[in-house]
PDB file of N, CA and C in Angstrom:
ATOM      1  N   UNK A   1     -26.529  46.734  67.999  1.00  0.00           N
ATOM      2  CA  UNK A   1     -24.661  47.525  69.072  1.00  0.00           C
ATOM      3  C   UNK A   1     -25.007  48.435  69.583  1.00  0.00           C
ATOM      4  N   UNK A   2     -24.900  48.640  70.559  1.00  0.00           N
ATOM      5  CA  UNK A   2     -25.083  50.046  71.330  1.00  0.00           C
ATOM      6  C   UNK A   2     -23.925  51.023  70.574  1.00  0.00           C
ATOM      7  N   UNK A   3     -24.324  52.612  71.061  1.00  0.00           N
ATOM      8  CA  UNK A   3     -23.447  53.605  70.770  1.00  0.00           C
ATOM      9  C   UNK A   3     -21.736  52.831  71.419  1.00  0.00           C
ATOM     10  N   UNK A   4     -21.368  52.762  72.902  1.00  0.00           N
ATOM     11  CA  UNK A   4     -20.359  52.047  72.814  1.00  0.00           C
ATOM     12  C   UNK A   4     -19.647  51.603  72.364  1.00  0.00           C
ATOM     13  N   UNK A   5     -20.151  50.085  72.061  1.00  0.00           N
ATOM     14  CA  UNK A   5     -19.338  48.932  70.930  1.00  0.00           C
ATOM     15  C   UNK A   5     -19.608  49.756  69.584  1.00  0.00           C
ATOM     16  N   UNK A   6     -19.965  50.813  68.896  1.00  0.00           N
ATOM     17  CA  UNK A   6     -19.674  51.026  67.697  1.00  0.00           C
ATOM     18  C   UNK A   6     -18.450  52.534  67.743  1.00  0.00           C
ATOM     19  N   UNK A   7     -18.054  53.389  69.200  1.00  0.00           N
ATOM     20  CA  UNK A   7     -17.005  53.509  68.737  1.00  0.00           C
ATOM     21  C   UNK A   7     -15.688  53.283  67.791  1.00  0.00           C
ATOM     22  N   UNK A   8     -14.865  52.016  68.490  1.00  0.00           N
ATOM     23  CA  UNK A   8     -14.445  51.777  67.344  1.00  0.00           C
ATOM     24  C   UNK A   8     -14.553  51.597  66.516  1.00  0.00           C
ATOM     25  N   UNK A   9     -14.994  51.467  65.925  1.00  0.00           N
ATOM     26  CA  UNK A   9     -15.188  51.416  64.732  1.00  0.00           C
ATOM     27  C   UNK A   9     -15.898  52.386  63.477  1.00  0.00           C
ATOM     28  N   UNK A  10     -16.625  53.392  64.681  1.00  0.00           N
ATOM     29  CA  UNK A  10     -16.332  54.197  63.968  1.00  0.00           C
ATOM     30  C   UNK A  10     -15.838  55.838  64.083  1.00  0.00           C
ATOM     31  N   UNK A  11     -14.179  55.248  64.883  1.00  0.00           N
ATOM     32  CA  UNK A  11     -13.353  56.206  64.836  1.00  0.00           C
ATOM     33  C   UNK A  11     -12.252  55.931  62.889  1.00  0.00           C
ATOM     34  N   UNK A  12     -12.345  55.212  63.034  1.00  0.00           N
ATOM     35  CA  UNK A  12     -11.745  54.377  62.330  1.00  0.00           C
ATOM     36  C   UNK A  12     -12.422  54.090  60.332  1.00  0.00           C
ATOM     37  N   UNK A  13     -13.757  53.783  60.462  1.00  0.00           N
ATOM     38  CA  UNK A  13     -14.571  54.623  59.160  1.00  0.00           C
ATOM     39  C   UNK A  13     -14.512  56.156  59.648  1.00  0.00           C
ATOM     40  N   UNK A  14     -14.171  57.019  60.509  1.00  0.00           N
ATOM     41  CA  UNK A  14     -15.188  58.108  59.803  1.00  0.00           C
ATOM     42  C   UNK A  14     -13.364  58.877  58.713  1.00  0.00           C
ATOM     43  N   UNK A  15     -14.341  60.145  58.100  1.00  0.00           N
ATOM     44  CA  UNK A  15     -13.591  60.285  57.186  1.00  0.00           C
ATOM     45  C   UNK A  15     -13.020  59.538  56.156  1.00  0.00           C
ATOM     46  N   UNK A  16     -14.073  58.661  55.841  1.00  0.00           N
ATOM     47  CA  UNK A  16     -13.720  58.220  54.498  1.00  0.00           C
ATOM     48  C   UNK A  16     -14.690  58.603  53.489  1.00  0.00           C
ATOM     49  N   UNK A  17     -15.536  59.128  53.405  1.00  0.00           N
ATOM     50  CA  UNK A  17     -16.834  59.323  53.515  1.00  0.00           C
ATOM     51  C   UNK A  17     -16.663  59.643  51.123  1.00  0.00           C
ATOM     52  N   UNK A  18     -15.151  60.284  50.503  1.00  0.00           N
ATOM     53  CA  UNK A  18     -14.704  60.010  49.638  1.00  0.00           C
ATOM     54  C   UNK A  18     -14.045  59.244  48.988  1.00  0.00           C
ATOM     55  N   UNK A  19     -13.830  57.834  49.469  1.00  0.00           N
ATOM     56  CA  UNK A  19     -13.216  56.893  49.702  1.00  0.00           C
ATOM     57  C   UNK A  19     -14.101  56.066  48.599  1.00  0.00           C
ATOM     58  N   UNK A  20     -12.812  55.394  47.944  1.00  0.00           N
ATOM     59  CA  UNK A  20     -13.429  54.618  47.432  1.00  0.00           C
ATOM     60  C   UNK A  20     -13.392  53.137  48.325  1.00  0.00           C
ATOM     61  N   UNK A  21     -14.396  51.558  47.471  1.00  0.00           N
ATOM     62  CA  UNK A  21     -14.943  50.931  47.761  1.00  0.00           C
ATOM     63  C   UNK A  21     -13.742  50.268  48.932  1.00  0.00           C
ATOM     64  N   UNK A  22     -12.274  50.005  47.762  1.00  0.00           N
ATOM     65  CA  UNK A  22     -11.207  49.444  48.172  1.00  0.00           C
ATOM     66  C   UNK A  22     -10.609  49.900  49.753  1.00  0.00           C
ATOM     67  N   UNK A  23     -10.950  50.559  49.945  1.00  0.00           N
ATOM     68  CA  UNK A  23     -10.821  51.730  50.590  1.00  0.00           C
ATOM     69  C   UNK A  23     -11.077  51.920  52.622  1.00  0.00           C
ATOM     70  N   UNK A  24     -12.827  51.537  51.406  1.00  0.00           N
ATOM     71  CA  UNK A  24     -13.582  50.690  52.488  1.00  0.00           C
ATOM     72  C   UNK A  24     -14.003  49.860  53.392  1.00  0.00           C
ATOM     73  N   UNK A  25     -13.431  49.596  53.112  1.00  0.00           N
ATOM     74  CA  UNK A  25     -13.519  47.290  52.839  1.00  0.00           C
ATOM     75  C   UNK A  25     -12.088  47.512  53.873  1.00  0.00           C
ATOM     76  N   UNK A  26     -10.815  48.058  53.101  1.00  0.00           N
ATOM     77  CA  UNK A  26      -9.223  47.570  54.220  1.00  0.00           C
ATOM     78  C   UNK A  26     -10.000  47.892  55.678  1.00  0.00           C
ATOM     79  N   UNK A  27     -10.315  49.708  55.829  1.00  0.00           N
ATOM     80  CA  UNK A  27     -11.224  50.008  56.745  1.00  0.00           C
ATOM     81  C   UNK A  27     -11.668  49.214  57.664  1.00  0.00           C
ATOM     82  N   UNK A  28     -12.575  48.813  56.760  1.00  0.00           N
ATOM     83  CA  UNK A  28     -13.746  48.014  57.519  1.00  0.00           C
ATOM     84  C   UNK A  28     -12.932  46.418  58.428  1.00  0.00           C
ATOM     85  N   UNK A  29     -11.908  46.314  57.850  1.00  0.00           N
ATOM     86  CA  UNK A  29     -11.671  44.959  58.623  1.00  0.00           C
ATOM     87  C   UNK A  29     -10.655  45.576  58.869  1.00  0.00           C
ATOM     88  N   UNK A  30     -10.718  46.253  59.203  1.00  0.00           N
ATOM     89  CA  UNK A  30      -8.325  46.724  60.412  1.00  0.00           C
ATOM     90  C   UNK A  30      -9.678  47.327  61.922  1.00  0.00           C
ATOM     91  N   UNK A  31     -11.354  47.955  61.180  1.00  0.00           N
ATOM     92  CA  UNK A  31     -12.068  47.456  62.791  1.00  0.00           C
ATOM     93  C   UNK A  31     -12.639  46.540  63.145  1.00  0.00           C
ATOM     94  N   UNK A  32     -13.042  45.387  61.893  1.00  0.00           N
ATOM     95  CA  UNK A  32     -13.340  44.289  62.638  1.00  0.00           C
ATOM     96  C   UNK A  32     -12.074  43.649  63.573  1.00  0.00           C
ATOM     97  N   UNK A  33     -11.036  43.825  63.012  1.00  0.00           N
ATOM     98  CA  UNK A  33      -9.096  43.230  63.270  1.00  0.00           C
ATOM     99  C   UNK A  33      -9.059  43.149  65.007  1.00  0.00           C
ATOM    100  N   UNK A  34      -9.743  45.289  64.935  1.00  0.00           N
ATOM    101  CA  UNK A  34      -9.192  45.765  66.364  1.00  0.00           C
ATOM    102  C   UNK A  34     -10.751  45.055  66.699  1.00  0.00           C
ATOM    103  N   UNK A  35     -11.503  44.834  67.320  1.00  0.00           N
ATOM    104  CA  UNK A  35     -12.698  44.590  67.767  1.00  0.00           C
ATOM    105  C   UNK A  35     -12.065  43.497  68.244  1.00  0.00           C
ATOM    106  N   UNK A  36     -12.063  42.609  67.401  1.00  0.00           N
ATOM    107  CA  UNK A  36     -11.688  40.968  68.113  1.00  0.00           C
ATOM    108  C   UNK A  36     -10.414  40.934  68.853  1.00  0.00           C
ATOM    109  N   UNK A  37      -9.341  41.965  69.555  1.00  0.00           N
ATOM    110  CA  UNK A  37      -7.855  42.126  69.176  1.00  0.00           C
ATOM    111  C   UNK A  37      -8.631  42.545  71.337  1.00  0.00           C
ATOM    112  N   UNK A  38      -9.664  43.227  71.032  1.00  0.00           N
ATOM    113  CA  UNK A  38     -10.361  43.929  71.879  1.00  0.00           C
ATOM    114  C   UNK A  38     -11.011  42.397  72.884  1.00  0.00           C
ATOM    115  N   UNK A  39     -12.261  42.560  71.764  1.00  0.00           N
ATOM    116  CA  UNK A  39     -12.683  41.262  73.099  1.00  0.00           C
ATOM    117  C   UNK A  39     -11.871  40.326  73.309  1.00  0.00           C
ATOM    118  N   UNK A  40     -10.701  38.754  72.527  1.00  0.00           N
ATOM    119  CA  UNK A  40      -9.969  38.738  73.531  1.00  0.00           C
ATOM    120  C   UNK A  40      -9.353  39.244  74.498  1.00  0.00           C
ATOM    121  N   UNK A  41      -9.025  40.367  74.268  1.00  0.00           N
ATOM    122  CA  UNK A  41      -7.982  40.927  75.514  1.00  0.00           C
ATOM    123  C   UNK A  41      -8.697  40.759  76.472  1.00  0.00           C
ATOM    124  N   UNK A  42     -10.329  40.994  76.716  1.00  0.00           N
ATOM    125  CA  UNK A  42     -11.190  41.103  77.642  1.00  0.00           C
ATOM    126  C   UNK A  42     -11.544  39.895  78.343  1.00  0.00           C
ATOM    127  N   UNK A  43     -12.169  38.746  76.626  1.00  0.00           N
ATOM    128  CA  UNK A  43     -12.361  37.306  77.726  1.00  0.00           C
ATOM    129  C   UNK A  43     -11.223  37.006  78.854  1.00  0.00           C
ATOM    130  N   UNK A  44      -9.189  37.842  78.337  1.00  0.00           N
ATOM    131  CA  UNK A  44      -8.093  37.000  79.426  1.00  0.00           C
ATOM    132  C   UNK A  44      -8.601  37.306  79.999  1.00  0.00           C
ATOM    133  N   UNK A  45      -8.597  38.496  80.009  1.00  0.00           N
ATOM    134  CA  UNK A  45      -8.803  39.355  81.728  1.00  0.00           C
ATOM    135  C   UNK A  45      -9.737  38.088  82.587  1.00  0.00           C
ATOM    136  N   UNK A  46     -11.117  38.083  81.685  1.00  0.00           N
ATOM    137  CA  UNK A  46     -12.299  37.790  82.361  1.00  0.00           C
ATOM    138  C   UNK A  46     -11.712  36.634  82.937  1.00  0.00           C
ATOM    139  N   UNK A  47     -11.285  35.566  82.434  1.00  0.00           N
ATOM    140  CA  UNK A  47     -11.413  34.624  82.964  1.00  0.00           C
ATOM    141  C   UNK A  47     -10.071  34.182  83.503  1.00  0.00           C
ATOM    142  N   UNK A  48      -9.311  35.095  83.129  1.00  0.00           N
ATOM    143  CA  UNK A  48      -7.669  35.466  84.439  1.00  0.00           C
ATOM    144  C   UNK A  48      -7.359  36.016  86.053  1.00  0.00           C
ATOM    145  N   UNK A  49      -8.382  36.593  85.872  1.00  0.00           N
ATOM    146  CA  UNK A  49      -8.113  37.922  87.128  1.00  0.00           C
ATOM    147  C   UNK A  49      -9.061  37.232  88.529  1.00  0.00           C
ATOM    148  N   UNK A  50      -8.876  37.750  89.562  1.00  0.00           N
ATOM    149  CA  UNK A  50      -8.868  37.344  90.529  1.00  0.00           C
ATOM    150  C   UNK A  50     -10.470  37.195  90.515  1.00  0.00           C
ATOM    151  N   UNK A  51     -10.604  36.031  91.287  1.00  0.00           N
ATOM    152  CA  UNK A  51     -12.319  35.668  91.858  1.00  0.00           C
ATOM    153  C   UNK A  51     -12.623  36.261  92.649  1.00  0.00           C
ATOM    154  N   UNK A  52     -14.431  36.223  92.880  1.00  0.00           N
ATOM    155  CA  UNK A  52     -14.643  37.388  93.837  1.00  0.00           C
ATOM    156  C   UNK A  52     -14.586  36.349  95.386  1.00  0.00           C
ATOM    157  N   UNK A  53     -14.265  36.390  96.384  1.00  0.00           N
ATOM    158  CA  UNK A  53     -14.030  35.589  97.075  1.00  0.00           C
ATOM    159  C   UNK A  53     -13.172  35.142  98.020  1.00  0.00           C
ATOM    160  N   UNK A  54     -12.118  34.797  97.358  1.00  0.00           N
ATOM    161  CA  UNK A  54     -10.607  34.108  97.183  1.00  0.00           C
ATOM    162  C   UNK A  54     -10.144  35.475  97.543  1.00  0.00           C
TER     163      UNK A  54
END
């Protein structure tokens, strides 16, 4: 993964240095869900957007 791909996850995980394992697990789950929503949105946009040369 590149640094750009890690940004949303990093933002969510920042500030968890002294957190419990359960808090880490929940934050990681939220970060993964956010990435999945973003990826789905991008795929939808790419697949349904204007086609070049039309």
